[in-house]
PDB file of N, CA and C in Angstrom:
ATOM      1  N   UNK A   1       9.451  -6.165  -5.825  1.00  0.00           N
ATOM      2  CA  UNK A   1       8.535  -5.669  -6.079  1.00  0.00           C
ATOM      3  C   UNK A   1       7.713  -6.255  -7.564  1.00  0.00           C
ATOM      4  N   UNK A   2       7.111  -5.855  -8.083  1.00  0.00           N
ATOM      5  CA  UNK A   2       5.907  -6.502  -8.928  1.00  0.00           C
ATOM      6  C   UNK A   2       6.522  -7.045 -10.175  1.00  0.00           C
ATOM      7  N   UNK A   3       6.183  -7.663 -10.856  1.00  0.00           N
ATOM      8  CA  UNK A   3       7.352  -8.129 -12.100  1.00  0.00           C
ATOM      9  C   UNK A   3       6.461  -7.851 -12.794  1.00  0.00           C
ATOM     10  N   UNK A   4       4.848  -7.710 -13.233  1.00  0.00           N
ATOM     11  CA  UNK A   4       4.183  -7.181 -14.026  1.00  0.00           C
ATOM     12  C   UNK A   4       4.262  -5.388 -14.376  1.00  0.00           C
ATOM     13  N   UNK A   5       4.586  -5.118 -15.430  1.00  0.00           N
ATOM     14  CA  UNK A   5       3.989  -3.090 -15.357  1.00  0.00           C
ATOM     15  C   UNK A   5       3.262  -2.897 -14.932  1.00  0.00           C
ATOM     16  N   UNK A   6       1.681  -3.752 -15.480  1.00  0.00           N
ATOM     17  CA  UNK A   6       0.246  -3.482 -14.932  1.00  0.00           C
ATOM     18  C   UNK A   6      -0.739  -4.567 -13.951  1.00  0.00           C
ATOM     19  N   UNK A   7      -0.798  -4.293 -13.644  1.00  0.00           N
ATOM     20  CA  UNK A   7      -2.189  -5.065 -12.687  1.00  0.00           C
ATOM     21  C   UNK A   7      -3.477  -4.216 -12.337  1.00  0.00           C
ATOM     22  N   UNK A   8      -3.855  -6.005 -13.072  1.00  0.00           N
ATOM     23  CA  UNK A   8      -5.593  -5.730 -13.647  1.00  0.00           C
ATOM     24  C   UNK A   8      -6.025  -5.676 -11.556  1.00  0.00           C
ATOM     25  N   UNK A   9      -7.559  -5.396 -11.757  1.00  0.00           N
ATOM     26  CA  UNK A   9      -8.751  -5.496 -10.137  1.00  0.00           C
ATOM     27  C   UNK A   9      -7.982  -6.427  -9.494  1.00  0.00           C
ATOM     28  N   UNK A  10      -8.100  -7.795  -9.806  1.00  0.00           N
ATOM     29  CA  UNK A  10      -8.318  -8.666  -9.070  1.00  0.00           C
ATOM     30  C   UNK A  10      -6.251  -9.392  -8.338  1.00  0.00           C
ATOM     31  N   UNK A  11      -5.526  -8.712  -9.102  1.00  0.00           N
ATOM     32  CA  UNK A  11      -3.797  -8.838  -8.956  1.00  0.00           C
ATOM     33  C   UNK A  11      -4.272  -7.284  -7.688  1.00  0.00           C
ATOM     34  N   UNK A  12      -4.250  -6.534  -7.611  1.00  0.00           N
ATOM     35  CA  UNK A  12      -4.337  -5.173  -6.578  1.00  0.00           C
ATOM     36  C   UNK A  12      -5.143  -5.707  -5.502  1.00  0.00           C
ATOM     37  N   UNK A  13      -6.025  -6.447  -5.563  1.00  0.00           N
ATOM     38  CA  UNK A  13      -6.493  -6.670  -4.324  1.00  0.00           C
ATOM     39  C   UNK A  13      -5.448  -7.498  -3.599  1.00  0.00           C
ATOM     40  N   UNK A  14      -5.226  -8.119  -4.584  1.00  0.00           N
ATOM     41  CA  UNK A  14      -3.747  -9.819  -4.560  1.00  0.00           C
ATOM     42  C   UNK A  14      -3.142  -9.550  -3.603  1.00  0.00           C
ATOM     43  N   UNK A  15      -2.629  -8.367  -4.536  1.00  0.00           N
ATOM     44  CA  UNK A  15      -1.348  -7.693  -3.545  1.00  0.00           C
ATOM     45  C   UNK A  15      -1.596  -6.579  -2.205  1.00  0.00           C
ATOM     46  N   UNK A  16      -2.832  -6.304  -1.825  1.00  0.00           N
ATOM     47  CA  UNK A  16      -3.250  -5.799  -0.997  1.00  0.00           C
ATOM     48  C   UNK A  16      -3.630  -7.118   0.380  1.00  0.00           C
ATOM     49  N   UNK A  17      -3.310  -7.994  -0.182  1.00  0.00           N
ATOM     50  CA  UNK A  17      -4.293  -9.430   0.730  1.00  0.00           C
ATOM     51  C   UNK A  17      -5.190  -9.167   0.752  1.00  0.00           C
ATOM     52  N   UNK A  18      -6.036  -8.969  -0.004  1.00  0.00           N
ATOM     53  CA  UNK A  18      -7.773  -9.149  -0.013  1.00  0.00           C
ATOM     54  C   UNK A  18      -8.321  -7.625   1.189  1.00  0.00           C
ATOM     55  N   UNK A  19      -6.856  -6.785   1.601  1.00  0.00           N
ATOM     56  CA  UNK A  19      -7.752  -5.904   1.954  1.00  0.00           C
ATOM     57  C   UNK A  19      -7.976  -4.203   1.881  1.00  0.00           C
ATOM     58  N   UNK A  20      -7.904  -4.527   0.740  1.00  0.00           N
ATOM     59  CA  UNK A  20      -8.831  -3.285  -0.529  1.00  0.00           C
ATOM     60  C   UNK A  20      -9.584  -4.464  -1.374  1.00  0.00           C
ATOM     61  N   UNK A  21     -10.993  -3.825  -1.346  1.00  0.00           N
ATOM     62  CA  UNK A  21     -12.670  -4.017  -1.992  1.00  0.00           C
ATOM     63  C   UNK A  21     -12.249  -3.582  -2.916  1.00  0.00           C
ATOM     64  N   UNK A  22     -13.128  -4.573  -4.140  1.00  0.00           N
ATOM     65  CA  UNK A  22     -13.013  -4.466  -5.318  1.00  0.00           C
ATOM     66  C   UNK A  22     -13.958  -2.972  -5.379  1.00  0.00           C
ATOM     67  N   UNK A  23     -14.539  -2.673  -4.546  1.00  0.00           N
ATOM     68  CA  UNK A  23     -16.096  -1.597  -4.334  1.00  0.00           C
ATOM     69  C   UNK A  23     -14.869  -0.694  -3.898  1.00  0.00           C
ATOM     70  N   UNK A  24     -14.665  -0.447  -3.294  1.00  0.00           N
ATOM     71  CA  UNK A  24     -13.500   0.317  -2.259  1.00  0.00           C
ATOM     72  C   UNK A  24     -12.656   1.276  -3.701  1.00  0.00           C
ATOM     73  N   UNK A  25     -11.686  -0.075  -4.139  1.00  0.00           N
ATOM     74  CA  UNK A  25     -11.387   0.531  -5.477  1.00  0.00           C
ATOM     75  C   UNK A  25     -12.029   0.748  -6.275  1.00  0.00           C
ATOM     76  N   UNK A  26     -13.087   0.763  -6.704  1.00  0.00           N
ATOM     77  CA  UNK A  26     -14.255   1.258  -7.967  1.00  0.00           C
ATOM     78  C   UNK A  26     -14.235   2.869  -7.274  1.00  0.00           C
ATOM     79  N   UNK A  27     -14.861   3.002  -5.491  1.00  0.00           N
ATOM     80  CA  UNK A  27     -15.342   4.414  -5.535  1.00  0.00           C
ATOM     81  C   UNK A  27     -14.074   5.186  -5.257  1.00  0.00           C
ATOM     82  N   UNK A  28     -13.363   4.450  -5.343  1.00  0.00           N
ATOM     83  CA  UNK A  28     -11.701   5.725  -4.927  1.00  0.00           C
ATOM     84  C   UNK A  28     -11.223   6.195  -6.399  1.00  0.00           C
ATOM     85  N   UNK A  29     -11.504   5.301  -7.421  1.00  0.00           N
ATOM     86  CA  UNK A  29     -11.629   5.747  -9.239  1.00  0.00           C
ATOM     87  C   UNK A  29     -12.620   7.345  -9.669  1.00  0.00           C
ATOM     88  N   UNK A  30     -13.952   7.004  -8.870  1.00  0.00           N
ATOM     89  CA  UNK A  30     -15.008   7.900  -8.757  1.00  0.00           C
ATOM     90  C   UNK A  30     -14.369   8.738  -8.231  1.00  0.00           C
ATOM     91  N   UNK A  31     -13.177   8.870  -6.882  1.00  0.00           N
ATOM     92  CA  UNK A  31     -13.369   9.910  -6.289  1.00  0.00           C
ATOM     93  C   UNK A  31     -12.413  11.187  -7.026  1.00  0.00           C
ATOM     94  N   UNK A  32     -10.753   9.977  -7.700  1.00  0.00           N
ATOM     95  CA  UNK A  32      -9.826  10.030  -7.897  1.00  0.00           C
ATOM     96  C   UNK A  32      -9.231  10.559  -6.739  1.00  0.00           C
ATOM     97  N   UNK A  33      -9.505   9.751  -5.996  1.00  0.00           N
ATOM     98  CA  UNK A  33      -8.282   9.393  -4.490  1.00  0.00           C
ATOM     99  C   UNK A  33      -7.336   7.561  -4.759  1.00  0.00           C
ATOM    100  N   UNK A  34      -6.605   7.295  -4.163  1.00  0.00           N
ATOM    101  CA  UNK A  34      -6.160   5.894  -3.987  1.00  0.00           C
ATOM    102  C   UNK A  34      -5.428   5.968  -5.267  1.00  0.00           C
ATOM    103  N   UNK A  35      -5.046   5.003  -5.205  1.00  0.00           N
ATOM    104  CA  UNK A  35      -3.580   4.985  -6.623  1.00  0.00           C
ATOM    105  C   UNK A  35      -3.963   5.357  -7.896  1.00  0.00           C
ATOM    106  N   UNK A  36      -3.097   5.511  -8.313  1.00  0.00           N
ATOM    107  CA  UNK A  36      -3.131   6.208 -10.128  1.00  0.00           C
ATOM    108  C   UNK A  36      -4.154   4.543 -10.917  1.00  0.00           C
ATOM    109  N   UNK A  37      -4.572   4.828 -12.413  1.00  0.00           N
ATOM    110  CA  UNK A  37      -4.633   3.950 -12.563  1.00  0.00           C
ATOM    111  C   UNK A  37      -4.857   4.028 -14.374  1.00  0.00           C
ATOM    112  N   UNK A  38      -4.970   3.342 -15.399  1.00  0.00           N
ATOM    113  CA  UNK A  38      -5.039   3.719 -16.412  1.00  0.00           C
ATOM    114  C   UNK A  38      -6.134   2.722 -16.994  1.00  0.00           C
ATOM    115  N   UNK A  39      -7.466   3.273 -17.327  1.00  0.00           N
ATOM    116  CA  UNK A  39      -9.105   3.070 -17.701  1.00  0.00           C
ATOM    117  C   UNK A  39      -8.262   2.634 -19.528  1.00  0.00           C
ATOM    118  N   UNK A  40      -8.384   1.384 -20.133  1.00  0.00           N
ATOM    119  CA  UNK A  40      -8.432   1.441 -21.937  1.00  0.00           C
ATOM    120  C   UNK A  40      -9.176   0.549 -21.900  1.00  0.00           C
ATOM    121  N   UNK A  41     -10.881   1.645 -22.431  1.00  0.00           N
ATOM    122  CA  UNK A  41     -12.028   0.819 -23.564  1.00  0.00           C
ATOM    123  C   UNK A  41     -12.232   0.886 -21.481  1.00  0.00           C
ATOM    124  N   UNK A  42     -12.601  -0.468 -21.089  1.00  0.00           N
ATOM    125  CA  UNK A  42     -13.376  -0.977 -20.074  1.00  0.00           C
ATOM    126  C   UNK A  42     -12.835  -1.211 -18.862  1.00  0.00           C
ATOM    127  N   UNK A  43     -11.558  -1.610 -19.479  1.00  0.00           N
ATOM    128  CA  UNK A  43     -10.415  -2.155 -18.910  1.00  0.00           C
ATOM    129  C   UNK A  43      -9.814  -0.939 -17.474  1.00  0.00           C
ATOM    130  N   UNK A  44      -9.630  -1.733 -16.511  1.00  0.00           N
ATOM    131  CA  UNK A  44      -8.618  -0.670 -14.964  1.00  0.00           C
ATOM    132  C   UNK A  44      -7.619  -1.374 -15.163  1.00  0.00           C
ATOM    133  N   UNK A  45      -6.371  -0.769 -15.656  1.00  0.00           N
ATOM    134  CA  UNK A  45      -5.057  -1.042 -15.004  1.00  0.00           C
ATOM    135  C   UNK A  45      -4.100  -0.102 -14.171  1.00  0.00           C
ATOM    136  N   UNK A  46      -3.554  -0.426 -12.853  1.00  0.00           N
ATOM    137  CA  UNK A  46      -2.801  -0.325 -11.439  1.00  0.00           C
ATOM    138  C   UNK A  46      -1.341  -0.051 -12.860  1.00  0.00           C
ATOM    139  N   UNK A  47      -0.626   0.493 -12.978  1.00  0.00           N
ATOM    140  CA  UNK A  47       0.675   0.400 -13.124  1.00  0.00           C
ATOM    141  C   UNK A  47       1.313   0.067 -11.886  1.00  0.00           C
ATOM    142  N   UNK A  48       2.107  -0.377 -11.675  1.00  0.00           N
ATOM    143  CA  UNK A  48       3.129  -1.770 -10.738  1.00  0.00           C
ATOM    144  C   UNK A  48       3.911   0.242 -10.674  1.00  0.00           C
ATOM    145  N   UNK A  49       4.619   1.071 -10.652  1.00  0.00           N
ATOM    146  CA  UNK A  49       4.888   1.545 -10.184  1.00  0.00           C
ATOM    147  C   UNK A  49       4.641   2.486  -9.727  1.00  0.00           C
ATOM    148  N   UNK A  50       3.880   2.774  -9.655  1.00  0.00           N
ATOM    149  CA  UNK A  50       2.403   3.894  -8.835  1.00  0.00           C
ATOM    150  C   UNK A  50       1.446   3.145  -7.962  1.00  0.00           C
ATOM    151  N   UNK A  51       1.847   2.081  -8.234  1.00  0.00           N
ATOM    152  CA  UNK A  51       1.747   1.496  -6.841  1.00  0.00           C
ATOM    153  C   UNK A  51       2.838   1.690  -5.994  1.00  0.00           C
ATOM    154  N   UNK A  52       3.487   1.408  -6.037  1.00  0.00           N
ATOM    155  CA  UNK A  52       5.107   0.980  -5.333  1.00  0.00           C
ATOM    156  C   UNK A  52       4.786   2.627  -4.985  1.00  0.00           C
ATOM    157  N   UNK A  53       4.237   3.951  -5.733  1.00  0.00           N
ATOM    158  CA  UNK A  53       4.767   5.178  -5.145  1.00  0.00           C
ATOM    159  C   UNK A  53       4.059   5.681  -3.819  1.00  0.00           C
ATOM    160  N   UNK A  54       2.771   4.659  -4.351  1.00  0.00           N
ATOM    161  CA  UNK A  54       1.289   5.225  -3.562  1.00  0.00           C
ATOM    162  C   UNK A  54       1.888   4.531  -2.466  1.00  0.00           C
ATOM    163  N   UNK A  55       2.135   3.866  -1.803  1.00  0.00           N
ATOM    164  CA  UNK A  55       2.193   2.719  -0.962  1.00  0.00           C
ATOM    165  C   UNK A  55       3.382   3.724  -0.076  1.00  0.00           C
ATOM    166  N   UNK A  56       4.691   4.218  -0.958  1.00  0.00           N
ATOM    167  CA  UNK A  56       5.664   5.155  -0.111  1.00  0.00           C
ATOM    168  C   UNK A  56       4.842   6.010   0.746  1.00  0.00           C
ATOM    169  N   UNK A  57       3.668   7.287  -0.191  1.00  0.00           N
ATOM    170  CA  UNK A  57       3.149   8.427   0.170  1.00  0.00           C
ATOM    171  C   UNK A  57       2.525   7.882   1.694  1.00  0.00           C
ATOM    172  N   UNK A  58       1.611   5.801   1.177  1.00  0.00           N
ATOM    173  CA  UNK A  58       0.797   6.014   2.678  1.00  0.00           C
ATOM    174  C   UNK A  58       1.887   5.566   4.065  1.00  0.00           C
ATOM    175  N   UNK A  59       2.711   5.445   3.898  1.00  0.00           N
ATOM    176  CA  UNK A  59       3.654   4.508   4.977  1.00  0.00           C
ATOM    177  C   UNK A  59       3.926   5.486   5.779  1.00  0.00           C
ATOM    178  N   UNK A  60       3.238   4.955   7.219  1.00  0.00           N
ATOM    179  CA  UNK A  60       3.418   5.376   8.420  1.00  0.00           C
ATOM    180  C   UNK A  60       4.548   5.192   9.054  1.00  0.00           C
ATOM    181  N   UNK A  61       5.825   6.412   9.182  1.00  0.00           N
ATOM    182  CA  UNK A  61       6.667   6.202   9.994  1.00  0.00           C
ATOM    183  C   UNK A  61       7.139   6.677  11.294  1.00  0.00           C
ATOM    184  N   UNK A  62       7.586   5.493  12.306  1.00  0.00           N
ATOM    185  CA  UNK A  62       7.438   5.930  13.579  1.00  0.00           C
ATOM    186  C   UNK A  62       8.699   5.561  14.015  1.00  0.00           C
ATOM    187  N   UNK A  63       9.034   6.156  15.425  1.00  0.00           N
ATOM    188  CA  UNK A  63       9.782   7.063  16.088  1.00  0.00           C
ATOM    189  C   UNK A  63      11.119   5.425  16.458  1.00  0.00           C
ATOM    190  N   UNK A  64      12.056   5.546  16.761  1.00  0.00           N
ATOM    191  CA  UNK A  64      13.045   4.927  17.496  1.00  0.00           C
ATOM    192  C   UNK A  64      12.321   4.655  19.122  1.00  0.00           C
ATOM    193  N   UNK A  65      13.013   3.711  18.983  1.00  0.00           N
ATOM    194  CA  UNK A  65      12.141   3.767  20.841  1.00  0.00           C
ATOM    195  C   UNK A  65      13.314   3.626  21.857  1.00  0.00           C
ATOM    196  N   UNK A  66      13.284   4.744  22.855  1.00  0.00           N
ATOM    197  CA  UNK A  66      14.822   4.939  23.381  1.00  0.00           C
ATOM    198  C   UNK A  66      15.069   4.006  24.355  1.00  0.00           C
ATOM    199  N   UNK A  67      16.379   3.129  24.049  1.00  0.00           N
ATOM    200  CA  UNK A  67      16.613   2.958  24.558  1.00  0.00           C
ATOM    201  C   UNK A  67      17.122   2.449  26.003  1.00  0.00           C
ATOM    202  N   UNK A  68      17.136   1.857  26.855  1.00  0.00           N
ATOM    203  CA  UNK A  68      17.187   1.611  28.613  1.00  0.00           C
ATOM    204  C   UNK A  68      19.242   1.095  28.706  1.00  0.00           C
ATOM    205  N   UNK A  69      19.831   2.021  29.292  1.00  0.00           N
ATOM    206  CA  UNK A  69      21.179   1.892  29.974  1.00  0.00           C
ATOM    207  C   UNK A  69      20.879   0.255  29.968  1.00  0.00           C
ATOM    208  N   UNK A  70      21.854  -0.274  29.781  1.00  0.00           N
ATOM    209  CA  UNK A  70      21.868  -1.151  30.642  1.00  0.00           C
ATOM    210  C   UNK A  70      21.764  -2.413  31.696  1.00  0.00           C
ATOM    211  N   UNK A  71      21.953  -1.028  32.220  1.00  0.00           N
ATOM    212  CA  UNK A  71      22.555  -1.633  33.897  1.00  0.00           C
ATOM    213  C   UNK A  71      21.042  -1.492  34.194  1.00  0.00           C
ATOM    214  N   UNK A  72      20.108  -0.626  33.450  1.00  0.00           N
ATOM    215  CA  UNK A  72      18.735  -0.208  33.662  1.00  0.00           C
ATOM    216  C   UNK A  72      17.580  -1.687  33.577  1.00  0.00           C
ATOM    217  N   UNK A  73      18.189  -2.177  32.682  1.00  0.00           N
ATOM    218  CA  UNK A  73      17.302  -3.793  31.894  1.00  0.00           C
ATOM    219  C   UNK A  73      17.566  -4.750  33.520  1.00  0.00           C
ATOM    220  N   UNK A  74      18.333  -4.499  34.569  1.00  0.00           N
ATOM    221  CA  UNK A  74      18.634  -6.212  35.721  1.00  0.00           C
ATOM    222  C   UNK A  74      17.329  -5.304  36.690  1.00  0.00           C
ATOM    223  N   UNK A  75      17.511  -3.899  36.576  1.00  0.00           N
ATOM    224  CA  UNK A  75      16.958  -3.082  38.140  1.00  0.00           C
ATOM    225  C   UNK A  75      15.267  -3.850  37.761  1.00  0.00           C
ATOM    226  N   UNK A  76      14.875  -3.969  36.168  1.00  0.00           N
ATOM    227  CA  UNK A  76      13.819  -3.615  35.535  1.00  0.00           C
ATOM    228  C   UNK A  76      13.061  -5.684  36.350  1.00  0.00           C
ATOM    229  N   UNK A  77      14.348  -6.438  36.215  1.00  0.00           N
ATOM    230  CA  UNK A  77      13.082  -8.032  36.146  1.00  0.00           C
ATOM    231  C   UNK A  77      13.452  -8.306  37.441  1.00  0.00           C
TER     232      UNK A  77
END
């Protein structure tokens, strides 16, 4: 979890390792999709708690793999 209560645009880009660009965030704000944000004057801030919530809402859950019985591994190799 992030130590700051609110992240700047640059901090959000860093949080997502540059995989979400400034223009993407701008477009998402205009379309009202993506993570929630706060706008104070011209400043756009993203609450860390909202980014955490948004991360969880986009989590892709995978099923567990089906394990082979131990004796079946011997026949594979």
